[in-house]
C-alpha atoms as a PDB file:
ATOM      1  CA  MET A   1     113.622 -15.024  95.544  1.00  0.00           C
ATOM      2  CA  SER A   2     110.159 -13.598  95.260  1.00  0.00           C
ATOM      3  CA  VAL A   3     109.320 -10.877  92.762  1.00  0.00           C
ATOM      4  CA  ILE A   4     106.813  -8.158  93.549  1.00  0.00           C
ATOM      5  CA  THR A   5     105.120  -6.682  90.536  1.00  0.00           C
ATOM      6  CA  LEU A   6     104.117  -3.078  90.010  1.00  0.00           C
ATOM      7  CA  GLU A   7     100.472  -4.133  90.005  1.00  0.00           C
ATOM      8  CA  GLN A   8     100.826  -5.762  93.442  1.00  0.00           C
ATOM      9  CA  VAL A   9     102.400  -2.594  94.861  1.00  0.00           C
ATOM     10  CA  GLU A  10      99.615  -0.468  93.376  1.00  0.00           C
ATOM     11  CA  VAL A  11      96.946  -2.771  94.862  1.00  0.00           C
ATOM     12  CA  LEU A  12      98.630  -2.567  98.262  1.00  0.00           C
ATOM     13  CA  ALA A  13      98.808   1.245  98.048  1.00  0.00           C
ATOM     14  CA  ALA A  14      95.123   1.475  97.090  1.00  0.00           C
ATOM     15  CA  THR A  15      94.148  -0.870  99.936  1.00  0.00           C
ATOM     16  CA  LEU A  16      96.120   1.123 102.507  1.00  0.00           C
ATOM     17  CA  GLU A  17      94.694   4.426 101.247  1.00  0.00           C
ATOM     18  CA  ALA A  18      91.138   3.051 101.423  1.00  0.00           C
ATOM     19  CA  GLU A  19      91.691   1.799 104.989  1.00  0.00           C
ATOM     20  CA  GLN A  20      93.093   5.181 106.051  1.00  0.00           C
ATOM     21  CA  ALA A  21      90.223   7.067 104.402  1.00  0.00           C
ATOM     22  CA  GLY A  22      87.738   4.786 106.164  1.00  0.00           C
ATOM     23  CA  LYS A  23      89.377   5.444 109.547  1.00  0.00           C
ATOM     24  CA  ARG A  24      89.282   9.220 108.970  1.00  0.00           C
ATOM     25  CA  GLU A  25      85.611   9.089 107.952  1.00  0.00           C
ATOM     26  CA  ARG A  26      84.692   7.089 111.077  1.00  0.00           C
ATOM     27  CA  LEU A  27      86.651   9.563 113.208  1.00  0.00           C
ATOM     28  CA  LEU A  28      84.832  12.516 111.613  1.00  0.00           C
ATOM     29  CA  ARG A  29      81.474  10.800 112.226  1.00  0.00           C
ATOM     30  CA  LEU A  30      82.418  10.315 115.898  1.00  0.00           C
ATOM     31  CA  ILE A  31      83.420  13.974 116.176  1.00  0.00           C
ATOM     32  CA  ARG A  32      80.102  15.126 114.699  1.00  0.00           C
ATOM     33  CA  ALA A  33      78.050  12.808 116.943  1.00  0.00           C
ATOM     34  CA  GLU A  34      79.964  13.668 120.132  1.00  0.00           C
ATOM     35  CA  ALA A  35      79.723  17.409 119.404  1.00  0.00           C
ATOM     36  CA  ARG A  36      75.952  17.098 119.058  1.00  0.00           C
ATOM     37  CA  ILE A  37      75.756  15.173 122.352  1.00  0.00           C
ATOM     38  CA  VAL A  38      77.768  17.858 124.164  1.00  0.00           C
ATOM     39  CA  ALA A  39      75.623  20.578 122.553  1.00  0.00           C
ATOM     40  CA  VAL A  40      72.496  18.999 124.046  1.00  0.00           C
ATOM     41  CA  ARG A  41      73.882  17.945 127.443  1.00  0.00           C
ATOM     42  CA  GLU A  42      76.284  20.803 128.166  1.00  0.00           C
ATOM     43  CA  PRO A  43      75.750  23.698 125.740  1.00  0.00           C
ATOM     44  CA  GLU A  44      77.745  26.019 128.030  1.00  0.00           C
ATOM     45  CA  GLN A  45      80.905  24.190 126.911  1.00  0.00           C
ATOM     46  CA  PHE A  46      80.624  26.036 123.591  1.00  0.00           C
ATOM     47  CA  LYS A  47      81.992  29.521 124.310  1.00  0.00           C
ATOM     48  CA  ALA A  48      81.477  32.581 122.131  1.00  0.00           C
ATOM     49  CA  ARG A  49      84.930  33.380 120.777  1.00  0.00           C
ATOM     50  CA  ALA A  50      86.619  36.765 120.822  1.00  0.00           C
ATOM     51  CA  LEU A  51      87.054  38.851 117.711  1.00  0.00           C
ATOM     52  CA  GLU A  52      89.741  41.149 119.182  1.00  0.00           C
ATOM     53  CA  TYR A  53      92.867  40.861 121.315  1.00  0.00           C
ATOM     54  CA  GLY A  54      94.827  43.785 122.711  1.00  0.00           C
ATOM     55  CA  ASP A  55      95.690  46.145 125.533  1.00  0.00           C
ATOM     56  CA  GLU A  56      93.490  46.075 128.605  1.00  0.00           C
ATOM     57  CA  ASP A  57      91.114  49.040 128.799  1.00  0.00           C
ATOM     58  CA  GLY A  58      91.855  51.667 131.446  1.00  0.00           C
ATOM     59  CA  HIS A  59      95.563  50.935 131.825  1.00  0.00           C
ATOM     60  CA  TYR A  60      97.065  54.041 133.467  1.00  0.00           C
ATOM     61  CA  ASP A  61     100.281  52.845 135.151  1.00  0.00           C
ATOM     62  CA  ASN A  62     102.998  53.528 132.587  1.00  0.00           C
ATOM     63  CA  SER A  63     105.639  51.712 134.685  1.00  0.00           C
ATOM     64  CA  TYR A  64     104.446  48.349 133.362  1.00  0.00           C
ATOM     65  CA  PRO A  65     103.251  47.181 129.962  1.00  0.00           C
ATOM     66  CA  PRO A  66      99.461  46.829 129.853  1.00  0.00           C
ATOM     67  CA  ASP A  67      97.835  43.450 130.435  1.00  0.00           C
ATOM     68  CA  MET A  68      96.421  41.847 127.319  1.00  0.00           C
ATOM     69  CA  ARG A  69      92.815  40.716 127.049  1.00  0.00           C
ATOM     70  CA  TYR A  70      90.374  39.194 124.589  1.00  0.00           C
ATOM     71  CA  ALA A  71      87.369  41.377 123.714  1.00  0.00           C
ATOM     72  CA  ASN A  72      84.245  41.522 121.571  1.00  0.00           C
ATOM     73  CA  LYS A  73      83.216  37.949 122.281  1.00  0.00           C
ATOM     74  CA  ASN A  74      80.683  37.824 119.463  1.00  0.00           C
ATOM     75  CA  GLY A  75      82.442  35.158 117.418  1.00  0.00           C
ATOM     76  CA  PRO A  76      81.203  31.624 116.803  1.00  0.00           C
ATOM     77  CA  LYS A  77      80.408  29.376 119.787  1.00  0.00           C
ATOM     78  CA  LEU A  78      83.141  26.747 119.852  1.00  0.00           C
ATOM     79  CA  ILE A  79      85.075  24.324 122.038  1.00  0.00           C
ATOM     80  CA  ARG A  80      88.846  24.785 121.871  1.00  0.00           C
ATOM     81  CA  VAL A  81      90.852  21.664 121.119  1.00  0.00           C
ATOM     82  CA  ALA A  82      94.207  23.305 120.278  1.00  0.00           C
ATOM     83  CA  GLN A  83      95.184  26.950 120.818  1.00  0.00           C
ATOM     84  CA  PRO A  84      96.189  28.918 117.710  1.00  0.00           C
ATOM     85  CA  GLU A  85      99.703  30.327 117.655  1.00  0.00           C
ATOM     86  CA  TRP A  86     100.979  33.622 116.318  1.00  0.00           C
ATOM     87  CA  ASP A  87     104.287  35.443 116.275  1.00  0.00           C
ATOM     88  CA  ALA A  88     105.151  39.134 116.529  1.00  0.00           C
ATOM     89  CA  VAL A  89     107.314  39.867 113.477  1.00  0.00           C
ATOM     90  CA  ALA A  90     109.288  43.118 113.652  1.00  0.00           C
ATOM     91  CA  THR A  91     108.445  45.678 110.997  1.00  0.00           C
ATOM     92  CA  GLU A  92     111.401  47.926 111.910  1.00  0.00           C
ATOM     93  CA  GLY A  93     114.829  47.497 113.488  1.00  0.00           C
ATOM     94  CA  GLY A  94     116.050  48.148 117.002  1.00  0.00           C
ATOM     95  CA  PHE A  95     115.434  46.611 120.408  1.00  0.00           C
ATOM     96  CA  TYR A  96     112.197  48.582 120.824  1.00  0.00           C
ATOM     97  CA  HIS A  97     110.194  48.170 117.650  1.00  0.00           C
ATOM     98  CA  GLU A  98     106.833  48.016 115.925  1.00  0.00           C
ATOM     99  CA  TRP A  99     105.596  44.564 114.929  1.00  0.00           C
ATOM    100  CA  LYS A 100     102.817  42.792 113.051  1.00  0.00           C
ATOM    101  CA  ALA A 101     101.081  39.564 114.022  1.00  0.00           C
ATOM    102  CA  VAL A 102     101.618  36.529 111.800  1.00  0.00           C
ATOM    103  CA  SER A 103      99.651  33.338 112.502  1.00  0.00           C
ATOM    104  CA  SER A 104     101.771  30.194 112.543  1.00  0.00           C
ATOM    105  CA  THR A 105      98.907  27.766 113.292  1.00  0.00           C
ATOM    106  CA  LYS A 106      95.145  28.228 113.225  1.00  0.00           C
ATOM    107  CA  GLY A 107      94.504  26.030 116.234  1.00  0.00           C
ATOM    108  CA  LEU A 108      91.566  23.640 116.260  1.00  0.00           C
ATOM    109  CA  TYR A 109      88.027  24.289 117.454  1.00  0.00           C
ATOM    110  CA  VAL A 110      84.726  22.453 117.007  1.00  0.00           C
ATOM    111  CA  ASP A 111      81.154  23.764 116.842  1.00  0.00           C
ATOM    112  CA  THR A 112      77.868  22.219 117.970  1.00  0.00           C
ATOM    113  CA  LYS A 113      77.482  20.305 114.683  1.00  0.00           C
ATOM    114  CA  GLY A 114      81.020  18.905 114.710  1.00  0.00           C
ATOM    115  CA  HIS A 115      82.421  21.267 112.077  1.00  0.00           C
ATOM    116  CA  LEU A 116      86.095  22.117 112.567  1.00  0.00           C
ATOM    117  CA  TRP A 117      87.223  25.740 112.864  1.00  0.00           C
ATOM    118  CA  GLY A 118      90.480  27.662 112.968  1.00  0.00           C
ATOM    119  CA  CYS A 119      91.520  31.195 113.870  1.00  0.00           C
ATOM    120  CA  THR A 120      93.899  33.635 112.194  1.00  0.00           C
ATOM    121  CA  TYR A 121      95.396  36.603 114.072  1.00  0.00           C
ATOM    122  CA  SER A 122      96.239  39.851 112.267  1.00  0.00           C
ATOM    123  CA  GLY A 123      97.140  43.322 113.473  1.00  0.00           C
ATOM    124  CA  THR A 124      99.974  45.315 115.001  1.00  0.00           C
ATOM    125  CA  GLY A 125     101.621  46.298 118.246  1.00  0.00           C
ATOM    126  CA  SER A 126     104.929  47.507 119.565  1.00  0.00           C
ATOM    127  CA  PHE A 127     107.586  46.281 121.936  1.00  0.00           C
ATOM    128  CA  GLY A 128     108.378  49.218 124.177  1.00  0.00           C
ATOM    129  CA  GLN A 129     110.345  50.410 127.168  1.00  0.00           C
ATOM    130  CA  PHE A 130     108.649  50.607 130.573  1.00  0.00           C
ATOM    131  CA  ALA A 131     110.197  51.462 133.949  1.00  0.00           C
ATOM    132  CA  ALA A 132     109.627  47.988 135.401  1.00  0.00           C
ATOM    133  CA  HIS A 133     110.478  45.890 132.339  1.00  0.00           C
ATOM    134  CA  PRO A 134     110.040  46.035 128.554  1.00  0.00           C
ATOM    135  CA  GLY A 135     106.842  44.663 127.038  1.00  0.00           C
ATOM    136  CA  ASN A 136     104.178  44.871 124.386  1.00  0.00           C
ATOM    137  CA  CYS A 137     101.836  47.832 124.103  1.00  0.00           C
ATOM    138  CA  GLY A 138      99.520  49.354 121.540  1.00  0.00           C
ATOM    139  CA  VAL A 139      98.416  45.831 120.646  1.00  0.00           C
ATOM    140  CA  ALA A 140      95.362  45.727 118.380  1.00  0.00           C
ATOM    141  CA  LEU A 141      94.772  42.300 116.862  1.00  0.00           C
ATOM    142  CA  SER A 142      91.758  40.967 114.983  1.00  0.00           C
ATOM    143  CA  LEU A 143      90.773  37.318 115.133  1.00  0.00           C
ATOM    144  CA  GLU A 144      89.238  35.859 111.994  1.00  0.00           C
ATOM    145  CA  TRP A 145      87.330  32.587 112.390  1.00  0.00           C
ATOM    146  CA  ASP A 146      86.782  30.181 109.518  1.00  0.00           C
ATOM    147  CA  THR A 147      85.855  26.548 109.005  1.00  0.00           C
ATOM    148  CA  LEU A 148      88.683  24.197 108.150  1.00  0.00           C
ATOM    149  CA  ASP A 149      88.827  21.799 105.255  1.00  0.00           C
ATOM    150  CA  VAL A 150      89.007  18.383 106.936  1.00  0.00           C
ATOM    151  CA  ASP A 151      91.581  17.284 104.359  1.00  0.00           C
ATOM    152  CA  ASP A 152      93.941  19.893 105.839  1.00  0.00           C
ATOM    153  CA  VAL A 153      93.544  18.563 109.397  1.00  0.00           C
ATOM    154  CA  SER A 154      96.044  15.896 110.451  1.00  0.00           C
ATOM    155  CA  ASP A 155      95.001  12.495 111.764  1.00  0.00           C
ATOM    156  CA  ALA A 156      96.610  13.364 115.103  1.00  0.00           C
ATOM    157  CA  ASP A 157      94.536  16.553 115.379  1.00  0.00           C
ATOM    158  CA  LEU A 158      91.339  14.683 114.503  1.00  0.00           C
ATOM    159  CA  LEU A 159      92.127  12.112 117.175  1.00  0.00           C
ATOM    160  CA  MET A 160      92.811  14.879 119.722  1.00  0.00           C
ATOM    161  CA  CYS A 161      89.486  16.497 118.813  1.00  0.00           C
ATOM    162  CA  GLU A 162      87.596  13.223 119.244  1.00  0.00           C
ATOM    163  CA  GLU A 163      89.273  12.582 122.622  1.00  0.00           C
ATOM    164  CA  THR A 164      88.377  16.089 123.828  1.00  0.00           C
ATOM    165  CA  LEU A 165      84.750  15.693 122.810  1.00  0.00           C
ATOM    166  CA  ARG A 166      84.524  12.155 124.217  1.00  0.00           C
ATOM    167  CA  ALA A 167      85.731  13.422 127.602  1.00  0.00           C
ATOM    168  CA  LEU A 168      82.942  16.037 127.578  1.00  0.00           C
ATOM    169  CA  ALA A 169      80.225  13.770 126.162  1.00  0.00           C
ATOM    170  CA  PHE A 170      80.988  10.763 128.373  1.00  0.00           C
ATOM    171  CA  PRO A 171      82.891  12.029 131.433  1.00  0.00           C
ATOM    172  CA  MET A 172      82.425   8.878 133.521  1.00  0.00           C
ATOM    173  CA  VAL A 173      83.901   6.515 130.952  1.00  0.00           C
ATOM    174  CA  ALA A 174      86.084   8.760 128.803  1.00  0.00           C
ATOM    175  CA  GLU A 175      89.377   7.705 130.377  1.00  0.00           C
ATOM    176  CA  LYS A 176      88.571   4.004 130.196  1.00  0.00           C
ATOM    177  CA  ALA A 177      86.899   3.999 126.797  1.00  0.00           C
ATOM    178  CA  GLU A 178      88.843   3.283 123.693  1.00  0.00           C
ATOM    179  CA  VAL A 179      86.784   3.923 120.609  1.00  0.00           C
ATOM    180  CA  PRO A 180      87.819   1.770 117.659  1.00  0.00           C
ATOM    181  CA  VAL A 181      88.152   3.766 114.464  1.00  0.00           C
END
């Protein structure tokens, strides 16, 4: 029977942590380099992001809930990797009710330098009765953009970001290429 000492376990843990940190750093370097390549080759891929989300302007048919649209596209220029998610949380009871937006995930975006960004939704709306079918109205949400701490981004999300950028930077070989990290 073989005995494993505490010191051996600690050395193994330190080795595994160092390998994982090295892989993450290489992945972040790839993300930064590929973002810069896309910024030079295809700058139109980086879209100015909206700062508002809400009811469509000029909605006059009160039989249907208004269409929703993004507006005030003066936010940072980013490529979307993963869409942020938000929920409408009721602020009063009843089937038809007022609600507030609560972000459940910030999504994942990347800028021209390879910095990672997220988005938080905040604001209010209501779920109301319309002749055709019930729906949201009076929606006025603000989108707040901020850079993400890379330590808070999962390995899977970093890998998804790198794959997205690789497909844009190297479209002819992206599907066949496997980048070792």
